Protein backbone atom coordinates (compact mmCIF):
# COMPACT_ATOMS: atom_id res chain seq x y z
CA MET A 1 -10.75 -23.59 -0.06
CA SER A 2 -9.73 -20.20 1.21
CA PRO A 3 -12.20 -17.39 0.48
CA SER A 4 -11.42 -14.98 -2.31
CA VAL A 5 -11.69 -11.20 -2.74
CA ALA A 6 -12.29 -9.27 -5.94
CA CYS A 7 -9.99 -6.25 -6.24
CA VAL A 8 -11.12 -3.69 -8.80
CA ASP A 9 -9.55 -0.54 -10.24
CA LEU A 10 -12.09 1.68 -11.99
CA GLY A 11 -9.54 3.40 -14.18
CA SER A 12 -9.86 6.46 -16.37
CA THR A 13 -9.71 4.25 -19.48
CA PHE A 14 -10.01 0.62 -18.41
CA THR A 15 -11.54 -1.20 -15.45
CA LYS A 16 -9.17 -3.90 -14.20
CA ALA A 17 -10.16 -6.69 -11.82
CA ALA A 18 -8.26 -9.40 -9.97
CA LEU A 19 -9.65 -12.31 -7.96
CA VAL A 20 -7.26 -13.07 -5.10
CA GLU A 21 -7.29 -16.03 -2.73
CA LEU A 22 -7.04 -14.88 0.89
CA GLY A 23 -4.13 -16.25 2.85
CA SER A 24 -2.05 -17.57 -0.03
CA GLY A 25 -2.27 -14.40 -2.12
CA ARG A 26 -2.78 -16.59 -5.19
CA LEU A 27 -4.12 -14.75 -8.23
CA LEU A 28 -7.11 -16.82 -9.31
CA ALA A 29 -8.25 -14.77 -12.31
CA THR A 30 -7.93 -11.36 -13.94
CA ALA A 31 -10.16 -9.35 -16.26
CA GLU A 32 -10.24 -6.01 -18.04
CA HIS A 33 -12.98 -3.95 -19.71
CA PRO A 34 -13.25 -0.37 -21.00
CA THR A 35 -14.48 1.88 -18.19
CA THR A 36 -18.14 2.72 -18.77
CA VAL A 37 -18.27 6.32 -17.56
CA ALA A 38 -20.73 7.36 -20.27
CA THR A 39 -23.43 5.05 -18.86
CA ASP A 40 -22.81 3.54 -15.42
CA VAL A 41 -19.28 2.81 -14.26
CA LEU A 42 -20.45 -0.45 -12.66
CA GLU A 43 -21.31 -1.90 -16.07
CA GLY A 44 -17.59 -2.28 -16.75
CA TRP A 45 -17.11 -3.96 -13.38
CA HIS A 46 -20.02 -6.33 -14.01
CA ALA A 47 -18.44 -7.35 -17.33
CA CYS A 48 -15.18 -8.02 -15.48
CA ARG A 49 -17.00 -10.02 -12.83
CA ASP A 50 -18.54 -12.21 -15.52
CA ALA A 51 -15.09 -12.84 -16.98
CA LEU A 52 -13.65 -13.67 -13.54
CA ALA A 53 -16.52 -16.04 -12.80
CA ALA A 54 -15.96 -17.87 -16.09
CA VAL A 55 -12.54 -18.82 -14.71
CA ASP A 56 -13.47 -19.19 -11.03
CA PRO A 57 -17.15 -19.28 -9.97
CA SER A 58 -16.26 -17.92 -6.50
CA ALA A 59 -16.04 -14.48 -8.11
CA ARG A 60 -19.84 -14.27 -8.12
CA ASP A 61 -20.07 -14.06 -4.34
CA ALA A 62 -16.65 -12.66 -3.47
CA PRO A 63 -16.51 -9.41 -1.49
CA VAL A 64 -15.38 -6.47 -3.59
CA LEU A 65 -12.71 -3.87 -2.82
CA ALA A 66 -12.33 -1.08 -5.35
CA CYS A 67 -10.36 2.05 -6.08
CA SER A 68 -11.21 4.67 -8.67
CA SER A 69 -9.71 7.27 -10.96
CA ALA A 70 -12.77 7.31 -13.23
CA GLY A 71 -14.40 10.60 -14.10
CA GLY A 72 -11.17 12.54 -13.75
CA GLY A 73 -10.05 11.06 -10.44
CA LEU A 74 -9.62 13.20 -7.34
CA ARG A 75 -8.96 16.93 -7.73
CA ILE A 76 -7.43 18.57 -4.63
CA ALA A 77 -6.73 22.24 -3.96
CA VAL A 78 -4.45 23.21 -1.08
CA VAL A 79 -4.92 26.39 0.96
CA GLY A 80 -1.92 27.16 3.14
CA ASN A 81 0.05 29.88 4.82
CA GLU A 82 3.72 30.15 3.95
CA GLU A 83 4.64 28.95 0.46
CA LEU A 84 7.80 27.08 1.38
CA VAL A 85 6.53 25.37 4.54
CA THR A 86 2.86 24.66 5.24
CA ALA A 87 1.54 25.16 1.70
CA GLU A 88 4.31 22.95 0.34
CA ALA A 89 3.59 20.36 3.04
CA GLY A 90 -0.08 20.42 2.08
CA ARG A 91 0.85 19.89 -1.57
CA ARG A 92 2.92 16.82 -0.69
CA VAL A 93 0.16 15.37 1.46
CA ALA A 94 -2.40 15.95 -1.29
CA LEU A 95 -0.22 14.12 -3.79
CA SER A 96 0.30 11.17 -1.46
CA SER A 97 -3.47 11.05 -0.91
CA GLY A 98 -4.02 10.08 -4.50
CA GLY A 99 -5.12 13.45 -5.77
CA HIS A 100 -4.31 15.57 -8.77
CA VAL A 101 -3.27 18.87 -7.16
CA VAL A 102 -5.10 21.51 -9.18
CA GLY A 103 -4.02 24.51 -7.13
CA VAL A 104 -1.87 25.62 -4.19
CA LEU A 105 -2.85 28.93 -2.61
CA SER A 106 -0.26 30.22 -0.17
CA GLY A 107 -1.33 33.19 1.92
CA GLY A 108 -4.70 31.67 2.77
CA LEU A 109 -8.10 32.98 1.71
CA ALA A 110 -7.92 36.47 3.16
CA ASP A 111 -9.27 38.26 0.08
CA ALA A 112 -11.87 37.79 -2.66
CA ALA A 113 -9.23 37.28 -5.34
CA ALA A 114 -7.88 34.22 -3.50
CA LEU A 115 -11.38 32.74 -3.29
CA ASP A 116 -11.84 33.35 -7.01
CA ARG A 117 -8.58 31.54 -7.73
CA LEU A 118 -9.75 28.62 -5.61
CA ARG A 119 -13.09 28.45 -7.42
CA ALA A 120 -11.30 28.47 -10.78
CA THR A 121 -9.48 25.23 -9.89
CA ALA A 122 -12.84 23.40 -9.45
CA PRO A 123 -11.53 21.05 -6.73
CA ASP A 124 -13.32 17.98 -5.43
CA VAL A 125 -11.66 18.47 -2.02
CA VAL A 126 -10.02 21.48 -0.34
CA LEU A 127 -7.15 20.78 2.07
CA VAL A 128 -6.63 23.68 4.51
CA VAL A 129 -3.31 23.82 6.33
CA GLY A 130 -1.38 26.50 8.16
CA GLY A 131 0.70 27.11 11.26
CA THR A 132 2.63 24.65 13.37
CA ASP A 133 0.89 23.50 16.56
CA GLY A 134 0.85 26.55 18.82
CA GLY A 135 2.15 28.73 15.99
CA GLU A 136 0.45 30.97 13.40
CA GLU A 137 -3.30 31.19 14.11
CA GLU A 138 -4.87 33.25 11.33
CA THR A 139 -4.75 31.18 8.15
CA VAL A 140 -6.95 28.23 9.13
CA PRO A 141 -9.84 30.10 10.82
CA VAL A 142 -9.93 32.79 8.12
CA ALA A 143 -10.02 30.16 5.35
CA ALA A 144 -12.80 28.27 7.13
CA ARG A 145 -14.91 31.41 7.62
CA THR A 146 -14.36 32.47 4.01
CA LEU A 147 -15.50 29.10 2.71
CA ALA A 148 -18.49 29.09 5.06
CA GLU A 149 -19.61 32.57 4.03
CA ALA A 150 -19.17 31.69 0.34
CA GLY A 151 -21.57 28.76 0.66
CA TRP A 152 -18.83 26.30 -0.30
CA SER A 153 -20.24 22.86 -1.13
CA ALA A 154 -17.19 20.66 -1.78
CA PRO A 155 -15.75 18.81 1.22
CA VAL A 156 -12.98 20.44 3.24
CA VAL A 157 -10.21 18.75 5.22
CA VAL A 158 -8.61 20.94 7.91
CA ALA A 159 -5.12 19.83 8.95
CA GLY A 160 -3.37 22.87 10.43
CA ASN A 161 -2.52 24.33 13.84
CA ARG A 162 -4.43 22.20 16.33
CA GLU A 163 -5.01 25.21 18.60
CA VAL A 164 -7.49 26.70 16.09
CA GLY A 165 -8.96 23.51 14.64
CA ASP A 166 -12.15 23.71 16.68
CA VAL A 167 -12.75 27.30 15.55
CA ALA A 168 -12.48 26.23 11.91
CA ARG A 169 -14.70 23.22 12.46
CA ALA A 170 -17.40 25.32 14.12
CA ALA A 171 -17.48 27.81 11.23
CA LEU A 172 -17.77 25.06 8.61
CA ALA A 173 -20.35 23.10 10.60
CA GLU A 174 -22.60 26.13 11.11
CA ALA A 175 -22.67 26.75 7.35
CA GLY A 176 -23.28 23.09 6.54
CA VAL A 177 -19.98 22.64 4.68
CA PRO A 178 -18.94 18.95 4.66
CA HIS A 179 -15.62 18.73 6.47
CA LEU A 180 -13.20 16.65 8.52
CA LEU A 181 -10.64 17.77 11.07
CA ALA A 182 -7.27 15.98 10.99
CA ALA A 183 -4.00 16.32 12.88
CA ASN A 184 -1.57 18.99 11.70
CA VAL A 185 0.51 18.05 8.66
CA VAL A 186 3.38 20.17 10.08
CA PRO A 187 3.11 19.88 13.88
CA ARG A 188 6.53 21.53 14.18
CA ILE A 189 9.18 22.82 11.83
CA GLY A 190 11.08 19.98 10.18
CA VAL A 191 8.36 17.37 10.80
CA LEU A 192 5.92 16.26 8.12
CA ALA A 193 3.04 14.08 9.38
CA PRO A 194 0.89 13.18 6.37
CA GLU A 195 -1.03 10.09 7.49
CA PRO A 196 -3.99 11.63 9.41
CA ALA A 197 -4.73 14.12 6.62
CA ARG A 198 -4.22 11.43 4.00
CA ALA A 199 -6.78 9.23 5.78
CA ALA A 200 -9.22 12.14 6.01
CA VAL A 201 -8.92 12.88 2.28
CA ARG A 202 -9.55 9.20 1.58
CA GLN A 203 -12.65 9.31 3.77
CA VAL A 204 -14.20 12.36 2.11
CA PHE A 205 -13.32 10.99 -1.33
CA VAL A 206 -15.40 7.90 -0.65
CA ALA A 207 -18.19 9.68 1.23
CA HIS A 208 -18.66 12.72 -0.99
CA VAL A 209 -16.65 12.69 -4.21
CA ILE A 210 -17.50 9.25 -5.62
CA GLY A 211 -21.24 9.85 -5.35
CA GLY A 212 -20.93 13.46 -6.46
CA LYS A 213 -19.38 12.54 -9.80
CA GLY A 214 -22.51 10.71 -10.87
CA LEU A 215 -20.56 7.64 -11.95
CA SER A 216 -23.32 5.24 -10.91
CA ALA A 217 -27.02 5.53 -10.15
CA GLY A 218 -27.01 2.98 -7.34
CA PRO A 219 -25.41 2.77 -3.88
CA ASP A 220 -23.08 -0.15 -4.64
CA LEU A 221 -20.23 1.99 -5.93
CA ALA A 222 -19.70 3.94 -2.71
CA ALA A 223 -19.77 0.67 -0.74
CA MET A 224 -17.04 -0.80 -2.96
CA VAL A 225 -14.57 2.07 -3.21
CA ARG A 226 -11.81 2.36 -0.61
CA GLY A 227 -9.90 5.29 -2.09
CA ALA A 228 -8.46 6.99 -5.13
CA THR A 229 -6.39 4.66 -7.29
CA PRO A 230 -3.05 6.49 -6.86
CA ASP A 231 -3.45 6.44 -3.06
CA VAL A 232 -4.15 2.71 -3.15
CA VAL A 233 -1.21 2.00 -5.46
CA LEU A 234 1.11 3.93 -3.12
CA ALA A 235 -0.10 1.71 -0.26
CA GLY A 236 0.91 -1.31 -2.35
CA VAL A 237 4.33 0.21 -3.03
CA GLU A 238 4.84 0.88 0.69
CA LEU A 239 3.97 -2.72 1.56
CA LEU A 240 6.36 -4.07 -1.06
CA ALA A 241 9.17 -1.87 0.23
CA ARG A 242 8.64 -2.43 3.95
CA GLY A 243 7.09 -5.88 4.11
CA VAL A 244 4.93 -6.99 7.04
CA PRO A 245 7.25 -7.02 10.07
CA ALA A 246 4.48 -8.27 12.39
CA GLU A 247 4.32 -11.46 10.32
CA GLY A 248 8.06 -11.75 9.76
CA LEU A 249 7.75 -10.84 6.06
CA ALA A 250 10.66 -8.71 4.85
CA GLY A 251 10.28 -5.89 2.36
CA VAL A 252 12.50 -5.37 -0.68
CA GLY A 253 13.84 -1.98 0.41
CA ASP A 254 13.73 1.21 -1.64
CA VAL A 255 11.50 0.96 -4.70
CA VAL A 256 10.15 3.29 -7.39
CA VAL A 257 7.06 2.68 -9.53
CA VAL A 258 6.39 4.54 -12.78
CA ASP A 259 2.75 4.30 -13.89
CA VAL A 260 2.24 5.56 -17.44
CA GLY A 261 -1.48 6.17 -17.87
CA GLY A 262 -3.78 7.63 -20.46
CA ALA A 263 -4.21 11.02 -18.75
CA THR A 264 -1.35 11.21 -16.24
CA THR A 265 2.00 9.64 -15.49
CA ASP A 266 2.54 8.95 -11.79
CA VAL A 267 5.77 8.24 -9.96
CA HIS A 268 5.45 6.47 -6.60
CA ALA A 269 8.54 6.10 -4.45
CA CYS A 270 9.24 4.52 -1.09
CA VAL A 271 12.81 5.62 -0.37
CA GLU A 272 14.22 6.18 3.09
CA PRO A 273 15.39 9.82 3.33
CA ASP A 274 19.00 10.69 4.00
CA PRO A 275 19.26 11.01 7.82
CA GLY A 276 21.86 13.72 7.35
CA LEU A 277 19.36 16.03 5.67
CA HIS A 278 17.10 18.27 7.75
CA PRO A 279 14.65 20.02 5.43
CA VAL A 280 12.36 22.73 6.82
CA VAL A 281 9.19 20.92 5.71
CA GLY A 282 10.41 17.50 6.75
CA ALA A 283 10.82 14.35 4.72
CA THR A 284 8.94 11.08 4.49
CA ALA A 285 9.95 7.77 2.93
CA SER A 286 6.86 7.61 0.73
CA GLY A 287 6.07 10.14 -1.93
CA ARG A 288 4.23 10.54 -5.17
CA THR A 289 4.10 12.99 -8.02
CA VAL A 290 1.43 13.11 -10.70
CA GLU A 291 2.05 14.78 -14.03
CA GLY A 292 -1.24 15.81 -15.58
CA ASP A 293 0.39 16.89 -18.85
CA LEU A 294 2.02 13.51 -19.47
CA GLY A 295 0.03 10.55 -20.72
CA MET A 296 -0.63 8.18 -23.58
CA ARG A 297 -4.08 9.34 -24.69
CA TRP A 298 -5.81 12.44 -23.25
CA SER A 299 -2.43 14.08 -22.58
CA ALA A 300 -0.63 12.73 -25.66
CA VAL A 301 -0.35 16.13 -27.35
CA THR A 302 1.27 17.81 -24.33
CA THR A 303 3.51 14.77 -23.92
CA VAL A 304 4.86 15.24 -27.43
CA GLY A 305 5.40 18.89 -26.53
CA GLN A 306 8.22 17.72 -24.21
CA ASP A 307 10.29 16.93 -27.33
CA PRO A 308 11.04 20.06 -29.38
CA GLY A 309 12.40 17.83 -32.12
CA ALA A 310 9.25 15.74 -32.51
CA GLY A 311 8.27 15.41 -36.15
CA PRO A 312 4.83 15.79 -37.73
CA ASP A 313 4.27 12.02 -37.71
CA LEU A 314 4.51 11.75 -33.93
CA ARG A 315 2.46 14.92 -33.43
CA ALA A 316 -0.26 13.51 -35.70
CA ALA A 317 -0.18 10.23 -33.77
CA ALA A 318 -0.68 12.18 -30.53
CA GLU A 319 -3.66 14.01 -32.00
CA ARG A 320 -5.23 10.68 -32.98
CA ARG A 321 -4.85 9.41 -29.45
CA ARG A 322 -6.33 12.50 -27.88
CA ALA A 323 -9.32 12.27 -30.25
CA ASP A 324 -9.76 8.53 -29.62
CA PRO A 325 -8.61 7.64 -26.07
CA GLY A 326 -9.68 4.03 -26.58
CA LEU A 327 -7.28 3.52 -29.47
CA VAL A 328 -5.50 0.16 -29.33
CA PRO A 329 -2.58 -0.15 -31.78
CA THR A 330 -2.93 -2.92 -34.32
CA GLU A 331 -0.17 -1.87 -36.72
CA PRO A 332 3.58 -1.89 -35.95
CA ALA A 333 3.84 1.84 -36.73
CA GLU A 334 1.18 2.72 -34.15
CA THR A 335 2.85 0.48 -31.58
CA ALA A 336 6.13 2.30 -32.22
CA TYR A 337 4.40 5.66 -31.69
CA ASP A 338 3.11 4.41 -28.33
CA GLU A 339 6.62 3.46 -27.27
CA ARG A 340 7.97 6.89 -28.24
CA LEU A 341 5.20 8.57 -26.24
CA ALA A 342 5.94 6.30 -23.26
CA VAL A 343 9.63 7.25 -23.34
CA LEU A 344 8.72 10.94 -23.22
CA ALA A 345 6.09 10.50 -20.48
CA ALA A 346 8.09 8.17 -18.21
CA GLY A 347 11.40 9.99 -18.63
CA THR A 348 9.96 13.44 -18.01
CA ALA A 349 7.95 12.28 -14.99
CA LEU A 350 10.97 10.58 -13.42
CA ARG A 351 13.16 13.62 -13.89
CA ARG A 352 10.54 15.92 -12.40
CA HIS A 353 10.13 13.60 -9.40
CA ALA A 354 13.83 13.16 -8.75
CA GLY A 355 15.08 16.64 -9.53
CA ARG A 356 18.73 17.54 -9.88
CA SER A 357 21.81 17.71 -7.74
CA GLU A 358 24.29 20.45 -8.58
CA VAL A 359 27.19 22.35 -7.04
CA VAL A 360 26.74 26.06 -6.41
CA TYR A 361 28.97 28.61 -4.73
CA ASP A 362 27.82 31.17 -2.20
CA GLY A 363 29.51 33.26 0.46
CA GLY A 364 30.27 30.14 2.46
CA GLY A 365 31.94 28.32 -0.42
CA ARG A 366 30.96 25.18 -2.31
CA VAL A 367 27.44 23.84 -1.60
CA VAL A 368 25.55 20.87 -3.10
CA VAL A 369 21.94 21.83 -3.76
CA SER A 370 19.31 19.16 -4.47
CA THR A 371 15.71 19.40 -5.61
CA GLY A 372 13.15 16.62 -5.64
CA ARG A 373 13.68 13.14 -4.17
CA ASP A 374 17.09 11.49 -4.49
CA LEU A 375 16.60 8.13 -6.23
CA ARG A 376 20.24 7.35 -6.99
CA THR A 377 20.50 4.44 -4.55
CA VAL A 378 17.27 2.74 -5.64
CA ASP A 379 17.93 -0.66 -7.19
CA LEU A 380 14.36 -1.66 -8.14
CA VAL A 381 12.14 0.22 -10.59
CA ILE A 382 8.74 -1.17 -11.55
CA GLY A 383 6.84 -0.10 -14.64
CA SER A 384 3.07 -0.04 -14.76
CA GLY A 385 0.36 1.16 -17.13
CA GLY A 386 -1.11 -0.54 -20.18
CA VAL A 387 1.64 0.55 -22.56
CA LEU A 388 4.19 -1.36 -20.45
CA ARG A 389 2.01 -4.23 -19.22
CA HIS A 390 0.95 -5.26 -22.71
CA ALA A 391 4.38 -4.86 -24.31
CA ALA A 392 7.33 -7.21 -24.49
CA PRO A 393 9.69 -6.96 -21.47
CA ALA A 394 12.34 -5.33 -23.63
CA VAL A 395 10.01 -2.39 -24.30
CA ALA A 396 9.66 -1.51 -20.62
CA GLU A 397 13.41 -1.81 -20.20
CA ARG A 398 13.99 0.63 -23.09
CA VAL A 399 11.30 3.05 -21.96
CA LEU A 400 12.46 3.34 -18.36
CA ARG A 401 16.19 3.22 -18.98
CA ALA A 402 15.86 6.14 -21.39
CA ALA A 403 15.28 8.33 -18.31
CA TRP A 404 18.44 7.57 -16.35
CA ASP A 405 20.62 7.32 -19.44
CA ALA A 406 20.06 11.06 -19.90
CA ASP A 407 22.01 13.92 -18.27
CA PRO A 408 23.76 12.45 -15.18
CA GLY A 409 22.88 15.57 -13.18
CA TRP A 410 19.47 14.07 -12.48
CA GLN A 411 19.07 12.19 -9.18
CA LEU A 412 17.90 9.03 -10.91
CA PRO A 413 18.64 5.35 -10.22
CA GLN A 414 22.11 4.41 -11.38
CA ASP A 415 21.59 0.89 -12.71
CA PRO A 416 18.44 -0.63 -11.21
CA ARG A 417 16.63 -3.81 -12.00
CA VAL A 418 13.54 -3.13 -14.09
CA LEU A 419 10.35 -5.14 -13.59
CA VAL A 420 6.83 -4.72 -14.96
CA ASP A 421 3.62 -5.10 -12.99
CA ALA A 422 2.27 -7.22 -15.82
CA ASP A 423 -0.61 -8.64 -13.76
CA TYR A 424 -1.50 -5.25 -12.24
CA VAL A 425 -1.12 -6.50 -8.67
CA LEU A 426 0.10 -3.27 -7.01
CA ALA A 427 -3.42 -1.81 -6.91
CA ALA A 428 -4.88 -5.11 -5.69
CA ALA A 429 -2.22 -5.33 -2.97
CA GLY A 430 -2.95 -1.77 -1.90
CA LEU A 431 -6.62 -2.62 -1.54
CA LEU A 432 -5.78 -5.67 0.57
CA ALA A 433 -3.01 -4.02 2.62
CA THR A 434 -5.12 -2.72 5.51
CA ASP A 435 -7.15 -5.80 6.40
CA HIS A 436 -5.09 -8.57 4.76
CA PRO A 437 -1.42 -7.43 4.72
CA GLY A 438 -0.01 -10.97 4.56
CA THR A 439 -2.18 -11.81 1.56
CA ALA A 440 -1.15 -8.57 -0.13
CA TYR A 441 2.53 -9.31 0.47
CA ARG A 442 2.30 -12.83 -0.93
CA LEU A 443 0.41 -11.55 -3.96
CA LEU A 444 3.19 -9.03 -4.69
CA ARG A 445 6.05 -11.43 -4.14
CA GLY A 446 4.32 -14.08 -6.23
CA HIS A 447 3.87 -11.81 -9.25
CA LEU A 448 6.77 -9.40 -9.00
CA ASP A 449 10.17 -11.03 -9.10
CA ALA A 450 11.35 -8.75 -6.31
């Protein structure tokens, strides 16, 4: 029998686990348990392991790969130079790294007020960017010295002008600030290179953030976790879209995933950019946005706020969910409230991710201006999150189609196929993607009719 691997997502509300057979990608067993943040987050995983082992005893000794958004997930603040170029590039990289971007400070950390604004965001990680390679040289060293002199304790990732990287590293090292130096996210105008910084954020998340949140008293958690859940899910989306060319396994092409969670609603997209467009920051195929005001439980009240016409019944339902994040509907009326919340969360998140395309007129005549990522040619949209996984297929179809049936000015899919990650395999595939890409691919294709 092929060996198996346990893939675990320590979620903000529930811990989900999947036992996967290596090679075949066969899903041997799944389990779910409320996340036990109040005690030790591993208690929820141990309950899942017991449930997996009841189905397949190999779960007891299987190696464990985990991702985590427990305890609030990963909070990233970006310090950059110019708002429309390096700071914006840093924001995009932070999002694709699985973080909730809690602040973007353009103009660097040249004054005390900027440092105060950074402190107010309470980030887990600070991403410092600025200058193309060989370009602007002030932002990165000044930010590093400011953080060093302030006795900064959270980890710092420096991913700016490579000519001044060593200066920044020396300042942080001398003050004992945990840090990593990565390649420039904007090596030249029009080029966005997120992967080295994304890998560095993943590394400091595992090395510093997981332990720092006090989620578990023992060392096992840090050994299990490979990254923040949204980063891992995006890796699964990328593998589904692109396949594994080295093994002759074809991807499905452009794909969008909408993950409606308790605290946030995330949109992951792997869409090849239009080769005719040449943005200043640069474009990448993969991207993610996270909407911290859209969710089914903790963010239910602000989700309802997206609908000015929401009545007192829906507002009261949202208040109940915020007060009791573990609420599981047992009555048809409560189930209907969940669907209405999901429509608001998914639709708003998709529109924010995609943006609009509109015609404007300037001195040169008629110009088409676009914001966000153009999803109009995408023919596969996958829904995720408990509200969609545990519902009938028709519910997910209604929830997601409500977004692109709105104002046609939005750059949303025209008439895509809608699938649901009912077995929650995207996170498991993302965990397997680095060391077992073929297994991850077969797992996805076996459980997503793609």
